[in-house]
Amino acid sequence: MDFFTLALFAIFAIFLAGTVKGAVGIGLPTTAVGFLSLALDPRTALALALLTMVMDNIRNSARAIAESG
């Protein structure tokens, strides 16, 4: 699988996982790792999912700090 196709698949998997989390309130890690594991090594899929979750938590923390102060 070439890089462009893999990147599009990863973006779609993360978007789908975010949609599940938005609709249900839980399930981002499970959905993201599950779909990413279809095209990537499970360890790589987990690392990519963790990276997106950490970035999201940093963004949410910054927003909470800005709103409180």
PDB file of N, CA and C in Angstrom:
ATOM      1  N   MET A   1       0.848  -1.172   0.000  1.00  0.00           N
ATOM      2  CA  MET A   1       0.000   0.000   0.000  1.00  0.00           C
ATOM      3  C   MET A   1       0.894   1.236   0.000  1.00  0.00           C
ATOM      4  N   ASP A   2       0.638   2.150  -0.918  1.00  0.00           N
ATOM      5  CA  ASP A   2       1.480   3.340  -0.995  1.00  0.00           C
ATOM      6  C   ASP A   2       1.132   4.318   0.137  1.00  0.00           C
ATOM      7  N   PHE A   3       1.987   5.303   0.324  1.00  0.00           N
ATOM      8  CA  PHE A   3       1.862   6.234   1.447  1.00  0.00           C
ATOM      9  C   PHE A   3       0.568   7.037   1.376  1.00  0.00           C
ATOM     10  N   PHE A   4       0.194   7.516   0.208  1.00  0.00           N
ATOM     11  CA  PHE A   4      -1.005   8.338   0.056  1.00  0.00           C
ATOM     12  C   PHE A   4      -2.258   7.554   0.444  1.00  0.00           C
ATOM     13  N   THR A   5      -2.371   6.333  -0.023  1.00  0.00           N
ATOM     14  CA  THR A   5      -3.521   5.496   0.305  1.00  0.00           C
ATOM     15  C   THR A   5      -3.554   5.186   1.796  1.00  0.00           C
ATOM     16  N   LEU A   6      -2.400   4.899   2.365  1.00  0.00           N
ATOM     17  CA  LEU A   6      -2.311   4.615   3.794  1.00  0.00           C
ATOM     18  C   LEU A   6      -2.694   5.839   4.617  1.00  0.00           C
ATOM     19  N   ALA A   7      -2.232   7.013   4.215  1.00  0.00           N
ATOM     20  CA  ALA A   7      -2.575   8.240   4.931  1.00  0.00           C
ATOM     21  C   ALA A   7      -4.074   8.513   4.855  1.00  0.00           C
ATOM     22  N   LEU A   8      -4.674   8.327   3.686  1.00  0.00           N
ATOM     23  CA  LEU A   8      -6.119   8.519   3.556  1.00  0.00           C
ATOM     24  C   LEU A   8      -6.892   7.538   4.421  1.00  0.00           C
ATOM     25  N   PHE A   9      -6.443   6.297   4.460  1.00  0.00           N
ATOM     26  CA  PHE A   9      -7.096   5.292   5.294  1.00  0.00           C
ATOM     27  C   PHE A   9      -6.985   5.667   6.769  1.00  0.00           C
ATOM     28  N   ALA A  10      -5.812   6.124   7.192  1.00  0.00           N
ATOM     29  CA  ALA A  10      -5.617   6.508   8.594  1.00  0.00           C
ATOM     30  C   ALA A  10      -6.498   7.701   8.958  1.00  0.00           C
ATOM     31  N   ILE A  11      -6.581   8.674   8.076  1.00  0.00           N
ATOM     32  CA  ILE A  11      -7.437   9.835   8.328  1.00  0.00           C
ATOM     33  C   ILE A  11      -8.897   9.394   8.444  1.00  0.00           C
ATOM     34  N   PHE A  12      -9.330   8.528   7.550  1.00  0.00           N
ATOM     35  CA  PHE A  12     -10.703   8.039   7.602  1.00  0.00           C
ATOM     36  C   PHE A  12     -10.961   7.255   8.887  1.00  0.00           C
ATOM     37  N   ALA A  13     -10.017   6.423   9.293  1.00  0.00           N
ATOM     38  CA  ALA A  13     -10.194   5.623  10.516  1.00  0.00           C
ATOM     39  C   ALA A  13     -10.292   6.514  11.747  1.00  0.00           C
ATOM     40  N   ILE A  14      -9.448   7.534  11.832  1.00  0.00           N
ATOM     41  CA  ILE A  14      -9.490   8.445  12.974  1.00  0.00           C
ATOM     42  C   ILE A  14     -10.778   9.261  12.944  1.00  0.00           C
ATOM     43  N   PHE A  15     -11.203   9.692  11.761  1.00  0.00           N
ATOM     44  CA  PHE A  15     -12.463  10.432  11.628  1.00  0.00           C
ATOM     45  C   PHE A  15     -13.641   9.566  12.062  1.00  0.00           C
ATOM     46  N   LEU A  16     -13.654   8.322  11.632  1.00  0.00           N
ATOM     47  CA  LEU A  16     -14.730   7.404  12.013  1.00  0.00           C
ATOM     48  C   LEU A  16     -14.727   7.168  13.521  1.00  0.00           C
ATOM     49  N   ALA A  17     -13.557   7.004  14.103  1.00  0.00           N
ATOM     50  CA  ALA A  17     -13.460   6.807  15.548  1.00  0.00           C
ATOM     51  C   ALA A  17     -13.943   8.040  16.303  1.00  0.00           C
ATOM     52  N   GLY A  18     -13.617   9.225  15.801  1.00  0.00           N
ATOM     53  CA  GLY A  18     -14.104  10.452  16.419  1.00  0.00           C
ATOM     54  C   GLY A  18     -15.608  10.588  16.313  1.00  0.00           C
ATOM     55  N   THR A  19     -16.160  10.134  15.200  1.00  0.00           N
ATOM     56  CA  THR A  19     -17.613  10.155  15.030  1.00  0.00           C
ATOM     57  C   THR A  19     -18.290   9.217  16.018  1.00  0.00           C
ATOM     58  N   VAL A  20     -17.710   8.050  16.222  1.00  0.00           N
ATOM     59  CA  VAL A  20     -18.253   7.111  17.207  1.00  0.00           C
ATOM     60  C   VAL A  20     -18.190   7.722  18.603  1.00  0.00           C
ATOM     61  N   LYS A  21     -17.071   8.364  18.935  1.00  0.00           N
ATOM     62  CA  LYS A  21     -16.950   8.986  20.255  1.00  0.00           C
ATOM     63  C   LYS A  21     -17.951  10.119  20.407  1.00  0.00           C
ATOM     64  N   GLY A  22     -18.161  10.895  19.373  1.00  0.00           N
ATOM     65  CA  GLY A  22     -19.127  11.981  19.445  1.00  0.00           C
ATOM     66  C   GLY A  22     -20.552  11.488  19.590  1.00  0.00           C
ATOM     67  N   ALA A  23     -20.870  10.393  18.948  1.00  0.00           N
ATOM     68  CA  ALA A  23     -22.234   9.866  18.992  1.00  0.00           C
ATOM     69  C   ALA A  23     -22.519   9.105  20.278  1.00  0.00           C
ATOM     70  N   VAL A  24     -21.547   8.334  20.739  1.00  0.00           N
ATOM     71  CA  VAL A  24     -21.773   7.454  21.879  1.00  0.00           C
ATOM     72  C   VAL A  24     -21.139   8.003  23.156  1.00  0.00           C
ATOM     73  N   GLY A  25     -20.043   8.734  23.014  1.00  0.00           N
ATOM     74  CA  GLY A  25     -19.340   9.268  24.171  1.00  0.00           C
ATOM     75  C   GLY A  25     -18.138   8.448  24.584  1.00  0.00           C
ATOM     76  N   ILE A  26     -18.015   7.239  24.052  1.00  0.00           N
ATOM     77  CA  ILE A  26     -16.868   6.374  24.343  1.00  0.00           C
ATOM     78  C   ILE A  26     -16.474   5.653  23.060  1.00  0.00           C
ATOM     79  N   GLY A  27     -15.343   5.018  23.065  1.00  0.00           N
ATOM     80  CA  GLY A  27     -14.993   4.140  21.963  1.00  0.00           C
ATOM     81  C   GLY A  27     -13.947   4.645  20.994  1.00  0.00           C
ATOM     82  N   LEU A  28     -13.361   5.815  21.225  1.00  0.00           N
ATOM     83  CA  LEU A  28     -12.338   6.305  20.295  1.00  0.00           C
ATOM     84  C   LEU A  28     -11.149   5.359  20.209  1.00  0.00           C
ATOM     85  N   PRO A  29     -10.527   4.954  21.317  1.00  0.00           N
ATOM     86  CA  PRO A  29      -9.361   4.069  21.194  1.00  0.00           C
ATOM     87  C   PRO A  29      -9.694   2.722  20.559  1.00  0.00           C
ATOM     88  N   THR A  30     -10.802   2.140  20.967  1.00  0.00           N
ATOM     89  CA  THR A  30     -11.172   0.826  20.449  1.00  0.00           C
ATOM     90  C   THR A  30     -11.424   0.874  18.954  1.00  0.00           C
ATOM     91  N   THR A  31     -12.179   1.859  18.519  1.00  0.00           N
ATOM     92  CA  THR A  31     -12.503   1.979  17.099  1.00  0.00           C
ATOM     93  C   THR A  31     -11.269   2.334  16.283  1.00  0.00           C
ATOM     94  N   ALA A  32     -10.475   3.288  16.767  1.00  0.00           N
ATOM     95  CA  ALA A  32      -9.300   3.731  16.019  1.00  0.00           C
ATOM     96  C   ALA A  32      -8.288   2.599  15.854  1.00  0.00           C
ATOM     97  N   VAL A  33      -7.966   1.922  16.932  1.00  0.00           N
ATOM     98  CA  VAL A  33      -6.981   0.846  16.858  1.00  0.00           C
ATOM     99  C   VAL A  33      -7.514  -0.306  16.013  1.00  0.00           C
ATOM    100  N   GLY A  34      -8.790  -0.603  16.146  1.00  0.00           N
ATOM    101  CA  GLY A  34      -9.375  -1.676  15.352  1.00  0.00           C
ATOM    102  C   GLY A  34      -9.281  -1.422  13.863  1.00  0.00           C
ATOM    103  N   PHE A  35      -9.672  -0.235  13.437  1.00  0.00           N
ATOM    104  CA  PHE A  35      -9.614   0.071  12.010  1.00  0.00           C
ATOM    105  C   PHE A  35      -8.183   0.254  11.514  1.00  0.00           C
ATOM    106  N   LEU A  36      -7.341   0.920  12.292  1.00  0.00           N
ATOM    107  CA  LEU A  36      -5.957   1.127  11.862  1.00  0.00           C
ATOM    108  C   LEU A  36      -5.196  -0.192  11.769  1.00  0.00           C
ATOM    109  N   SER A  37      -5.576  -1.160  12.598  1.00  0.00           N
ATOM    110  CA  SER A  37      -4.912  -2.468  12.562  1.00  0.00           C
ATOM    111  C   SER A  37      -5.202  -3.239  11.283  1.00  0.00           C
ATOM    112  N   LEU A  38      -6.226  -2.826  10.556  1.00  0.00           N
ATOM    113  CA  LEU A  38      -6.504  -3.479   9.277  1.00  0.00           C
ATOM    114  C   LEU A  38      -5.414  -3.194   8.246  1.00  0.00           C
ATOM    115  N   ALA A  39      -4.767  -2.032   8.361  1.00  0.00           N
ATOM    116  CA  ALA A  39      -3.761  -1.655   7.369  1.00  0.00           C
ATOM    117  C   ALA A  39      -2.361  -1.516   7.950  1.00  0.00           C
ATOM    118  N   LEU A  40      -2.247  -1.438   9.269  1.00  0.00           N
ATOM    119  CA  LEU A  40      -0.954  -1.223   9.911  1.00  0.00           C
ATOM    120  C   LEU A  40      -0.665  -2.344  10.903  1.00  0.00           C
ATOM    121  N   ASP A  41       0.590  -2.434  11.295  1.00  0.00           N
ATOM    122  CA  ASP A  41       0.984  -3.307  12.390  1.00  0.00           C
ATOM    123  C   ASP A  41       0.245  -2.845  13.645  1.00  0.00           C
ATOM    124  N   PRO A  42      -0.250  -3.740  14.494  1.00  0.00           N
ATOM    125  CA  PRO A  42      -1.008  -3.318  15.677  1.00  0.00           C
ATOM    126  C   PRO A  42      -0.261  -2.342  16.589  1.00  0.00           C
ATOM    127  N   ARG A  43       1.046  -2.512  16.723  1.00  0.00           N
ATOM    128  CA  ARG A  43       1.805  -1.575  17.554  1.00  0.00           C
ATOM    129  C   ARG A  43       1.836  -0.188  16.938  1.00  0.00           C
ATOM    130  N   THR A  44       1.969  -0.115  15.622  1.00  0.00           N
ATOM    131  CA  THR A  44       1.946   1.167  14.934  1.00  0.00           C
ATOM    132  C   THR A  44       0.565   1.795  15.019  1.00  0.00           C
ATOM    133  N   ALA A  45      -0.469   0.980  14.885  1.00  0.00           N
ATOM    134  CA  ALA A  45      -1.838   1.481  14.999  1.00  0.00           C
ATOM    135  C   ALA A  45      -2.087   2.052  16.391  1.00  0.00           C
ATOM    136  N   LEU A  46      -1.624   1.367  17.409  1.00  0.00           N
ATOM    137  CA  LEU A  46      -1.786   1.853  18.774  1.00  0.00           C
ATOM    138  C   LEU A  46      -1.040   3.166  18.986  1.00  0.00           C
ATOM    139  N   ALA A  47       0.179   3.248  18.466  1.00  0.00           N
ATOM    140  CA  ALA A  47       0.955   4.483  18.606  1.00  0.00           C
ATOM    141  C   ALA A  47       0.273   5.649  17.904  1.00  0.00           C
ATOM    142  N   LEU A  48      -0.255   5.421  16.718  1.00  0.00           N
ATOM    143  CA  LEU A  48      -0.943   6.488  15.994  1.00  0.00           C
ATOM    144  C   LEU A  48      -2.216   6.903  16.720  1.00  0.00           C
ATOM    145  N   ALA A  49      -2.957   5.952  17.255  1.00  0.00           N
ATOM    146  CA  ALA A  49      -4.171   6.276  18.006  1.00  0.00           C
ATOM    147  C   ALA A  49      -3.821   7.045  19.283  1.00  0.00           C
ATOM    148  N   LEU A  50      -2.770   6.625  19.973  1.00  0.00           N
ATOM    149  CA  LEU A  50      -2.352   7.345  21.177  1.00  0.00           C
ATOM    150  C   LEU A  50      -1.916   8.768  20.857  1.00  0.00           C
ATOM    151  N   LEU A  51      -1.222   8.946  19.750  1.00  0.00           N
ATOM    152  CA  LEU A  51      -0.793  10.279  19.352  1.00  0.00           C
ATOM    153  C   LEU A  51      -1.993  11.190  19.133  1.00  0.00           C
ATOM    154  N   THR A  52      -3.008  10.701  18.450  1.00  0.00           N
ATOM    155  CA  THR A  52      -4.184  11.537  18.209  1.00  0.00           C
ATOM    156  C   THR A  52      -4.931  11.821  19.508  1.00  0.00           C
ATOM    157  N   MET A  53      -4.983  10.855  20.427  1.00  0.00           N
ATOM    158  CA  MET A  53      -5.672  11.084  21.699  1.00  0.00           C
ATOM    159  C   MET A  53      -4.926  12.099  22.563  1.00  0.00           C
ATOM    160  N   VAL A  54      -3.601  12.027  22.593  1.00  0.00           N
ATOM    161  CA  VAL A  54      -2.813  12.984  23.371  1.00  0.00           C
ATOM    162  C   VAL A  54      -2.981  14.385  22.792  1.00  0.00           C
ATOM    163  N   MET A  55      -2.949  14.507  21.471  1.00  0.00           N
ATOM    164  CA  MET A  55      -3.137  15.819  20.845  1.00  0.00           C
ATOM    165  C   MET A  55      -4.522  16.378  21.169  1.00  0.00           C
ATOM    166  N   ASP A  56      -5.532  15.539  21.163  1.00  0.00           N
ATOM    167  CA  ASP A  56      -6.887  15.975  21.490  1.00  0.00           C
ATOM    168  C   ASP A  56      -6.977  16.404  22.955  1.00  0.00           C
ATOM    169  N   ASN A  57      -6.343  15.673  23.849  1.00  0.00           N
ATOM    170  CA  ASN A  57      -6.365  16.048  25.267  1.00  0.00           C
ATOM    171  C   ASN A  57      -5.644  17.360  25.518  1.00  0.00           C
ATOM    172  N   ILE A  58      -4.547  17.603  24.818  1.00  0.00           N
ATOM    173  CA  ILE A  58      -3.838  18.881  24.950  1.00  0.00           C
ATOM    174  C   ILE A  58      -4.724  20.024  24.477  1.00  0.00           C
ATOM    175  N   ARG A  59      -5.401  19.822  23.351  1.00  0.00           N
ATOM    176  CA  ARG A  59      -6.296  20.849  22.819  1.00  0.00           C
ATOM    177  C   ARG A  59      -7.445  21.120  23.789  1.00  0.00           C
ATOM    178  N   ASN A  60      -8.033  20.072  24.349  1.00  0.00           N
ATOM    179  CA  ASN A  60      -9.134  20.244  25.304  1.00  0.00           C
ATOM    180  C   ASN A  60      -8.667  20.923  26.581  1.00  0.00           C
ATOM    181  N   SER A  61      -7.476  20.605  27.044  1.00  0.00           N
ATOM    182  CA  SER A  61      -6.931  21.248  28.240  1.00  0.00           C
ATOM    183  C   SER A  61      -6.676  22.726  27.996  1.00  0.00           C
ATOM    184  N   ALA A  62      -6.120  23.055  26.842  1.00  0.00           N
ATOM    185  CA  ALA A  62      -5.877  24.455  26.513  1.00  0.00           C
ATOM    186  C   ALA A  62      -7.181  25.231  26.429  1.00  0.00           C
ATOM    187  N   ARG A  63      -8.209  24.618  25.852  1.00  0.00           N
ATOM    188  CA  ARG A  63      -9.507  25.278  25.759  1.00  0.00           C
ATOM    189  C   ARG A  63     -10.103  25.495  27.147  1.00  0.00           C
ATOM    190  N   ALA A  64      -9.980  24.517  28.030  1.00  0.00           N
ATOM    191  CA  ALA A  64     -10.525  24.641  29.377  1.00  0.00           C
ATOM    192  C   ALA A  64      -9.787  25.733  30.173  1.00  0.00           C
ATOM    193  N   ILE A  65      -8.490  25.810  30.005  1.00  0.00           N
ATOM    194  CA  ILE A  65      -7.713  26.846  30.689  1.00  0.00           C
ATOM    195  C   ILE A  65      -8.098  28.226  30.173  1.00  0.00           C
ATOM    196  N   ALA A  66      -8.272  28.357  28.867  1.00  0.00           N
ATOM    197  CA  ALA A  66      -8.643  29.651  28.286  1.00  0.00           C
ATOM    198  C   ALA A  66     -10.041  30.084  28.723  1.00  0.00           C
ATOM    199  N   GLU A  67     -10.949  29.149  28.858  1.00  0.00           N
ATOM    200  CA  GLU A  67     -12.311  29.492  29.269  1.00  0.00           C
ATOM    201  C   GLU A  67     -12.410  29.819  30.758  1.00  0.00           C
ATOM    202  N   SER A  68     -11.540  29.245  31.559  1.00  0.00           N
ATOM    203  CA  SER A  68     -11.619  29.479  33.002  1.00  0.00           C
ATOM    204  C   SER A  68     -10.907  30.763  33.436  1.00  0.00           C
ATOM    205  N   GLY A  69     -10.011  31.229  32.630  1.00  0.00           N
ATOM    206  CA  GLY A  69      -9.221  32.374  33.067  1.00  0.00           C
ATOM    207  C   GLY A  69      -9.387  33.525  32.231  1.00  0.00           C
TER     208      GLY A  69
END
